[in-house]
């Protein structure tokens, strides 16, 4: 876990790696719960027996959006800005699902701080006009399946970070 005292220290880290998580196992239960929540019941995700017979992966695979939805959890394992009271998902510049995540495989995420820019839309006020109460952080996230050379997902995610 990389700790930053405040947004200024975090922003100064632009262009550098934030780190990587440990591997986590993707289970059929995770896939089934995601399918239930989203209504995406496609057999390649939810029917392991059929997937073993008919899919090119010979097993069920995680939804691409399940992989992507792990980003907040995994980012929280990689870094924290101590002065930030709230982080809001702001969007994404690009997302690519470049490889399957088979059920039973192990997944990790690597993250780089592409850049962080002041966000003046914050409603907070600070006593020091030189302080920035919020930044929009652009973080490149690469989701890797253990043993695979091609990443499962590459995403440039935007988070609005607001200080106390």
Protein backbone atom coordinates (compact mmCIF):
# COMPACT_ATOMS: atom_id res chain seq x y z
CA UNK A 1 0.00 0.00 0.00
CA UNK A 2 1.42 3.33 -1.05
CA UNK A 3 0.42 6.19 1.23
CA UNK A 4 0.31 9.85 0.21
CA UNK A 5 -0.19 12.56 2.82
CA UNK A 6 -2.26 14.85 0.58
CA UNK A 7 -3.31 15.60 -2.96
CA UNK A 8 -0.24 17.72 -3.66
CA UNK A 9 2.04 14.78 -2.82
CA UNK A 10 -0.17 12.42 -4.83
CA UNK A 11 -0.27 14.75 -7.85
CA UNK A 12 3.53 15.05 -7.82
CA UNK A 13 3.63 11.29 -8.42
CA UNK A 14 2.15 11.73 -11.93
CA UNK A 15 3.72 9.55 -14.59
CA UNK A 16 4.81 6.91 -12.10
CA UNK A 17 3.65 3.51 -10.97
CA UNK A 18 1.32 3.36 -7.99
CA UNK A 19 1.96 -0.35 -7.50
CA UNK A 20 0.21 -3.67 -7.90
CA UNK A 21 -2.07 -5.89 -5.87
CA UNK A 22 -1.63 -9.47 -4.78
CA UNK A 23 -3.42 -12.02 -6.94
CA UNK A 24 -7.03 -12.86 -6.08
CA UNK A 25 -8.94 -15.93 -7.24
CA UNK A 26 -11.99 -15.40 -9.44
CA UNK A 27 -14.69 -17.84 -8.32
CA UNK A 28 -17.86 -19.09 -9.97
CA UNK A 29 -19.79 -17.64 -7.03
CA UNK A 30 -18.43 -14.16 -7.83
CA UNK A 31 -19.44 -14.58 -11.47
CA UNK A 32 -22.90 -15.87 -10.55
CA UNK A 33 -23.52 -12.99 -8.12
CA UNK A 34 -22.43 -10.47 -10.77
CA UNK A 35 -24.71 -12.15 -13.32
CA UNK A 36 -27.62 -11.96 -10.87
CA UNK A 37 -26.97 -8.28 -10.12
CA UNK A 38 -26.63 -7.25 -13.77
CA UNK A 39 -29.00 -9.65 -15.48
CA UNK A 40 -26.21 -10.88 -17.77
CA UNK A 41 -26.85 -14.62 -17.59
CA UNK A 42 -24.95 -15.58 -20.76
CA UNK A 43 -24.00 -19.27 -20.53
CA UNK A 44 -20.28 -18.62 -21.05
CA UNK A 45 -20.35 -17.02 -17.59
CA UNK A 46 -23.00 -18.95 -15.69
CA UNK A 47 -23.04 -22.51 -17.05
CA UNK A 48 -19.69 -24.16 -16.26
CA UNK A 49 -20.73 -27.52 -17.75
CA UNK A 50 -21.76 -26.02 -21.08
CA UNK A 51 -18.72 -23.76 -21.11
CA UNK A 52 -16.49 -26.82 -20.58
CA UNK A 53 -18.09 -28.45 -23.64
CA UNK A 54 -18.63 -25.51 -26.00
CA UNK A 55 -16.42 -22.54 -25.19
CA UNK A 56 -12.89 -22.08 -26.49
CA UNK A 57 -11.78 -21.52 -22.86
CA UNK A 58 -13.11 -24.92 -21.70
CA UNK A 59 -14.47 -23.28 -18.56
CA UNK A 60 -16.75 -20.40 -17.64
CA UNK A 61 -15.25 -16.92 -17.72
CA UNK A 62 -15.80 -13.74 -15.73
CA UNK A 63 -17.78 -10.93 -17.31
CA UNK A 64 -15.50 -8.17 -18.60
CA UNK A 65 -17.44 -5.69 -16.51
CA UNK A 66 -16.95 -7.88 -13.43
CA UNK A 67 -13.22 -7.58 -13.96
CA UNK A 68 -13.52 -3.82 -14.36
CA UNK A 69 -15.82 -3.53 -11.32
CA UNK A 70 -12.99 -4.83 -9.13
CA UNK A 71 -11.01 -1.62 -9.81
CA UNK A 72 -12.18 0.33 -6.71
CA UNK A 73 -11.43 -2.61 -4.39
CA UNK A 74 -8.05 -3.21 -5.97
CA UNK A 75 -7.10 0.49 -6.10
CA UNK A 76 -7.83 0.68 -2.38
CA UNK A 77 -5.22 -2.05 -1.92
CA UNK A 78 -2.65 -0.13 -3.98
CA UNK A 79 -2.78 3.44 -2.66
CA UNK A 80 -4.44 5.87 -0.29
CA UNK A 81 -4.29 9.64 0.02
CA UNK A 82 -4.64 10.31 3.75
CA UNK A 83 -6.17 13.79 3.40
CA UNK A 84 -8.90 12.60 1.01
CA UNK A 85 -12.31 12.27 2.60
CA UNK A 86 -14.12 11.09 -0.52
CA UNK A 87 -13.36 9.54 -3.88
CA UNK A 88 -15.94 9.48 -6.66
CA UNK A 89 -15.84 7.43 -9.85
CA UNK A 90 -15.84 10.12 -12.53
CA UNK A 91 -15.60 8.05 -15.70
CA UNK A 92 -13.17 6.46 -18.09
CA UNK A 93 -11.24 7.61 -21.12
CA UNK A 94 -10.90 4.12 -22.52
CA UNK A 95 -11.57 0.53 -21.55
CA UNK A 96 -10.45 -2.55 -23.45
CA UNK A 97 -11.19 -6.20 -22.58
CA UNK A 98 -8.24 -7.90 -24.24
CA UNK A 99 -8.26 -11.39 -22.75
CA UNK A 100 -10.63 -13.73 -20.91
CA UNK A 101 -10.58 -14.28 -17.15
CA UNK A 102 -11.36 -17.97 -16.61
CA UNK A 103 -13.16 -18.95 -13.42
CA UNK A 104 -10.55 -20.31 -11.02
CA UNK A 105 -7.80 -18.09 -12.40
CA UNK A 106 -5.95 -15.54 -10.34
CA UNK A 107 -6.19 -11.86 -11.19
CA UNK A 108 -4.23 -8.82 -10.08
CA UNK A 109 -4.17 -5.15 -11.01
CA UNK A 110 -1.27 -2.81 -11.70
CA UNK A 111 -1.86 0.94 -11.61
CA UNK A 112 -0.03 4.03 -12.88
CA UNK A 113 -0.95 7.62 -12.14
CA UNK A 114 -1.17 9.07 -15.63
CA UNK A 115 -1.85 12.56 -14.27
CA UNK A 116 -3.86 14.47 -11.70
CA UNK A 117 -5.36 17.87 -12.42
CA UNK A 118 -7.11 20.36 -10.15
CA UNK A 119 -10.89 20.18 -10.19
CA UNK A 120 -12.40 23.57 -9.44
CA UNK A 121 -15.98 22.31 -9.35
CA UNK A 122 -15.56 21.16 -5.79
CA UNK A 123 -17.91 23.00 -3.48
CA UNK A 124 -15.37 22.97 -0.69
CA UNK A 125 -13.52 26.14 0.28
CA UNK A 126 -10.05 26.28 1.76
CA UNK A 127 -8.49 29.07 3.78
CA UNK A 128 -5.33 28.96 1.65
CA UNK A 129 -6.13 29.94 -1.95
CA UNK A 130 -3.03 28.03 -3.08
CA UNK A 131 -4.53 24.72 -1.94
CA UNK A 132 -6.53 22.58 -4.33
CA UNK A 133 -9.51 20.96 -2.61
CA UNK A 134 -9.98 18.31 -5.29
CA UNK A 135 -8.23 16.64 -8.21
CA UNK A 136 -9.30 14.48 -11.11
CA UNK A 137 -6.88 11.58 -11.19
CA UNK A 138 -6.37 9.63 -14.39
CA UNK A 139 -5.15 6.15 -13.42
CA UNK A 140 -4.19 3.50 -15.95
CA UNK A 141 -5.24 0.10 -14.63
CA UNK A 142 -3.99 -3.16 -16.10
CA UNK A 143 -5.70 -6.36 -14.98
CA UNK A 144 -3.47 -9.41 -15.36
CA UNK A 145 -4.33 -13.10 -15.19
CA UNK A 146 -1.55 -15.10 -13.58
CA UNK A 147 0.47 -16.93 -16.22
CA UNK A 148 -0.94 -14.95 -19.17
CA UNK A 149 1.17 -12.53 -21.19
CA UNK A 150 -1.78 -10.56 -22.56
CA UNK A 151 -3.70 -8.51 -19.96
CA UNK A 152 -7.38 -9.22 -19.37
CA UNK A 153 -8.37 -5.57 -19.25
CA UNK A 154 -6.70 -2.21 -19.71
CA UNK A 155 -8.63 0.82 -18.49
CA UNK A 156 -7.89 4.50 -18.07
CA UNK A 157 -10.13 5.42 -15.15
CA UNK A 158 -10.91 8.87 -13.77
CA UNK A 159 -11.50 9.44 -10.07
CA UNK A 160 -12.44 12.70 -8.39
CA UNK A 161 -10.56 12.90 -5.07
CA UNK A 162 -11.78 15.45 -2.52
CA UNK A 163 -9.77 16.50 0.52
CA UNK A 164 -11.15 17.05 4.00
